[in-house]
Amino acid sequence: MRLYSDEFGKLWLKLSKELKNQMEVGLAPTITEGQLNVLELLMTNERMKPSDLIEYLSTTPAAVTTLLDRMEKGELIVRERDEKDRRIVWVNVTDKGKAECERGMRIREQLLDSYLSRVSAHNQKLLIYLLGKVAN
């Protein structure tokens, strides 16, 4: 079995690096892949507190603050104090952030489609099934 885990690990690392690099090139210079992840979270959850993002991003509070600072400077998000409790800060997506999120999702979809088009529809379903088994 060790042979398969080594081969799987090598292929997974190669594919992950390729996808990350191609996403960063496609998204530049407006956003990064990390920013796209935040935008997608915010679009799904409407608005979030910075502390809510930590569990999804697997990072530190300081890193989230730095990321949000850059996103706010790029006009992708706005931070607003809660009207009832001024200690709470909400992060909301701007119109520019929504447009960049949609662009980023299209880029990712096209990139993944280009990889998946290398195999038949049947094998695409099989790959998704097997990855689901590995992931769960």
Protein backbone atom coordinates (compact mmCIF):
# COMPACT_ATOMS: atom_id res chain seq x y z
CA MET A 1 0.00 0.00 0.00
CA ARG A 2 2.91 2.36 0.66
CA LEU A 3 3.59 2.58 -3.08
CA TYR A 4 0.16 4.08 -3.65
CA SER A 5 0.39 6.61 -0.83
CA ASP A 6 3.75 7.86 -2.14
CA GLU A 7 2.40 8.18 -5.68
CA PHE A 8 -0.81 9.81 -4.46
CA GLY A 9 1.18 12.27 -2.36
CA LYS A 10 3.41 13.24 -5.28
CA LEU A 11 0.50 13.70 -7.67
CA TRP A 12 -1.55 15.62 -5.09
CA LEU A 13 1.36 17.97 -4.35
CA LYS A 14 2.04 18.55 -8.07
CA LEU A 15 -1.62 19.23 -8.84
CA SER A 16 -2.08 21.48 -5.80
CA LYS A 17 0.95 23.59 -6.71
CA GLU A 18 -0.11 23.88 -10.36
CA LEU A 19 -3.66 24.90 -9.46
CA LYS A 20 -2.51 27.44 -6.86
CA ASN A 21 0.00 29.00 -9.26
CA GLN A 22 -2.47 29.17 -12.13
CA MET A 23 -5.16 30.65 -9.87
CA GLU A 24 -2.78 33.33 -8.57
CA VAL A 25 -1.77 34.26 -12.13
CA GLY A 26 -5.39 34.35 -13.30
CA LEU A 27 -6.59 36.44 -10.36
CA ALA A 28 -3.70 38.93 -10.39
CA PRO A 29 -3.35 41.82 -10.01
CA THR A 30 -6.76 42.51 -8.46
CA ILE A 31 -7.11 39.74 -5.87
CA THR A 32 -5.34 36.70 -4.44
CA GLU A 33 -6.69 33.20 -3.94
CA GLY A 34 -6.90 33.85 -0.18
CA GLN A 35 -8.96 36.96 -0.83
CA LEU A 36 -11.22 34.98 -3.16
CA ASN A 37 -11.81 32.47 -0.35
CA VAL A 38 -12.84 35.31 1.99
CA LEU A 39 -15.11 36.87 -0.63
CA GLU A 40 -16.82 33.51 -1.22
CA LEU A 41 -17.36 33.05 2.52
CA LEU A 42 -18.80 36.53 2.83
CA MET A 43 -21.07 36.06 -0.19
CA THR A 44 -22.40 32.83 1.33
CA ASN A 45 -22.84 34.23 4.84
CA GLU A 46 -23.85 37.80 3.91
CA ARG A 47 -21.70 39.39 6.61
CA MET A 48 -19.29 38.04 9.17
CA LYS A 49 -17.13 39.18 12.05
CA PRO A 50 -13.37 38.93 11.46
CA SER A 51 -13.17 36.31 14.23
CA ASP A 52 -15.68 34.14 12.30
CA LEU A 53 -13.22 33.89 9.41
CA ILE A 54 -10.44 32.32 11.49
CA GLU A 55 -11.95 28.83 11.61
CA TYR A 56 -12.53 28.77 7.83
CA LEU A 57 -9.10 30.08 6.90
CA SER A 58 -7.07 28.11 9.45
CA THR A 59 -4.92 31.09 10.32
CA THR A 60 -4.22 33.56 13.10
CA PRO A 61 -6.24 36.63 14.09
CA ALA A 62 -3.30 38.84 13.06
CA ALA A 63 -3.20 37.25 9.59
CA VAL A 64 -6.96 37.76 9.16
CA THR A 65 -6.59 41.42 10.15
CA THR A 66 -3.77 41.91 7.63
CA LEU A 67 -5.78 40.18 4.90
CA LEU A 68 -8.88 42.28 5.64
CA ASP A 69 -6.76 45.47 5.71
CA ARG A 70 -5.54 44.71 2.18
CA MET A 71 -9.02 43.83 1.00
CA GLU A 72 -10.44 47.03 2.44
CA LYS A 73 -7.67 49.06 0.81
CA GLY A 74 -8.54 47.32 -2.49
CA GLU A 75 -12.21 48.27 -1.95
CA LEU A 76 -13.30 44.61 -1.92
CA ILE A 77 -14.84 44.80 1.57
CA VAL A 78 -15.95 47.34 4.13
CA ARG A 79 -15.87 47.01 7.90
CA GLU A 80 -18.77 48.50 9.77
CA ARG A 81 -19.45 48.81 13.49
CA ASP A 82 -22.62 47.16 14.75
CA GLU A 83 -25.32 49.75 15.41
CA LYS A 84 -26.35 48.25 18.75
CA ASP A 85 -22.97 47.03 20.02
CA ARG A 86 -20.09 49.21 18.82
CA ARG A 87 -17.56 46.56 19.91
CA ILE A 88 -18.72 44.30 17.07
CA VAL A 89 -17.27 44.86 13.61
CA TRP A 90 -19.03 43.38 10.58
CA VAL A 91 -17.24 42.64 7.32
CA ASN A 92 -19.35 43.19 4.19
CA VAL A 93 -18.58 42.68 0.52
CA THR A 94 -18.63 45.74 -1.74
CA ASP A 95 -19.97 45.72 -5.30
CA LYS A 96 -16.37 45.56 -6.51
CA GLY A 97 -15.77 42.60 -4.19
CA LYS A 98 -18.84 40.82 -5.56
CA ALA A 99 -17.66 41.36 -9.14
CA GLU A 100 -14.16 40.10 -8.28
CA CYS A 101 -15.61 37.08 -6.52
CA GLU A 102 -17.67 36.17 -9.56
CA ARG A 103 -14.62 36.67 -11.80
CA GLY A 104 -12.51 34.48 -9.53
CA MET A 105 -15.10 31.72 -9.46
CA ARG A 106 -15.25 31.78 -13.29
CA ILE A 107 -11.46 31.56 -13.48
CA ARG A 108 -11.44 28.58 -11.08
CA GLU A 109 -14.24 26.85 -12.98
CA GLN A 110 -12.44 27.28 -16.32
CA LEU A 111 -9.19 26.03 -14.82
CA LEU A 112 -10.78 22.96 -13.26
CA ASP A 113 -12.73 22.28 -16.45
CA SER A 114 -9.45 22.32 -18.39
CA TYR A 115 -8.03 19.67 -16.05
CA LEU A 116 -11.16 17.54 -15.99
CA SER A 117 -11.54 17.67 -19.79
CA ARG A 118 -8.46 15.42 -19.99
CA VAL A 119 -10.61 12.46 -18.91
CA SER A 120 -14.01 11.13 -19.97
CA ALA A 121 -17.25 12.15 -18.25
CA HIS A 122 -17.44 8.67 -16.70
CA ASN A 123 -13.94 9.00 -15.27
CA GLN A 124 -14.73 12.52 -14.01
CA LYS A 125 -17.62 11.06 -11.98
CA LEU A 126 -15.36 8.26 -10.76
CA LEU A 127 -12.63 10.73 -9.77
CA ILE A 128 -15.11 12.86 -7.82
CA TYR A 129 -16.51 9.74 -6.13
CA LEU A 130 -13.03 8.51 -5.16
CA LEU A 131 -11.88 11.92 -3.93
CA GLY A 132 -15.04 12.07 -1.83
CA LYS A 133 -14.09 8.72 -0.29
CA VAL A 134 -10.55 9.95 0.44
CA ALA A 135 -11.78 13.30 1.82
CA ASN A 136 -14.33 11.70 4.14
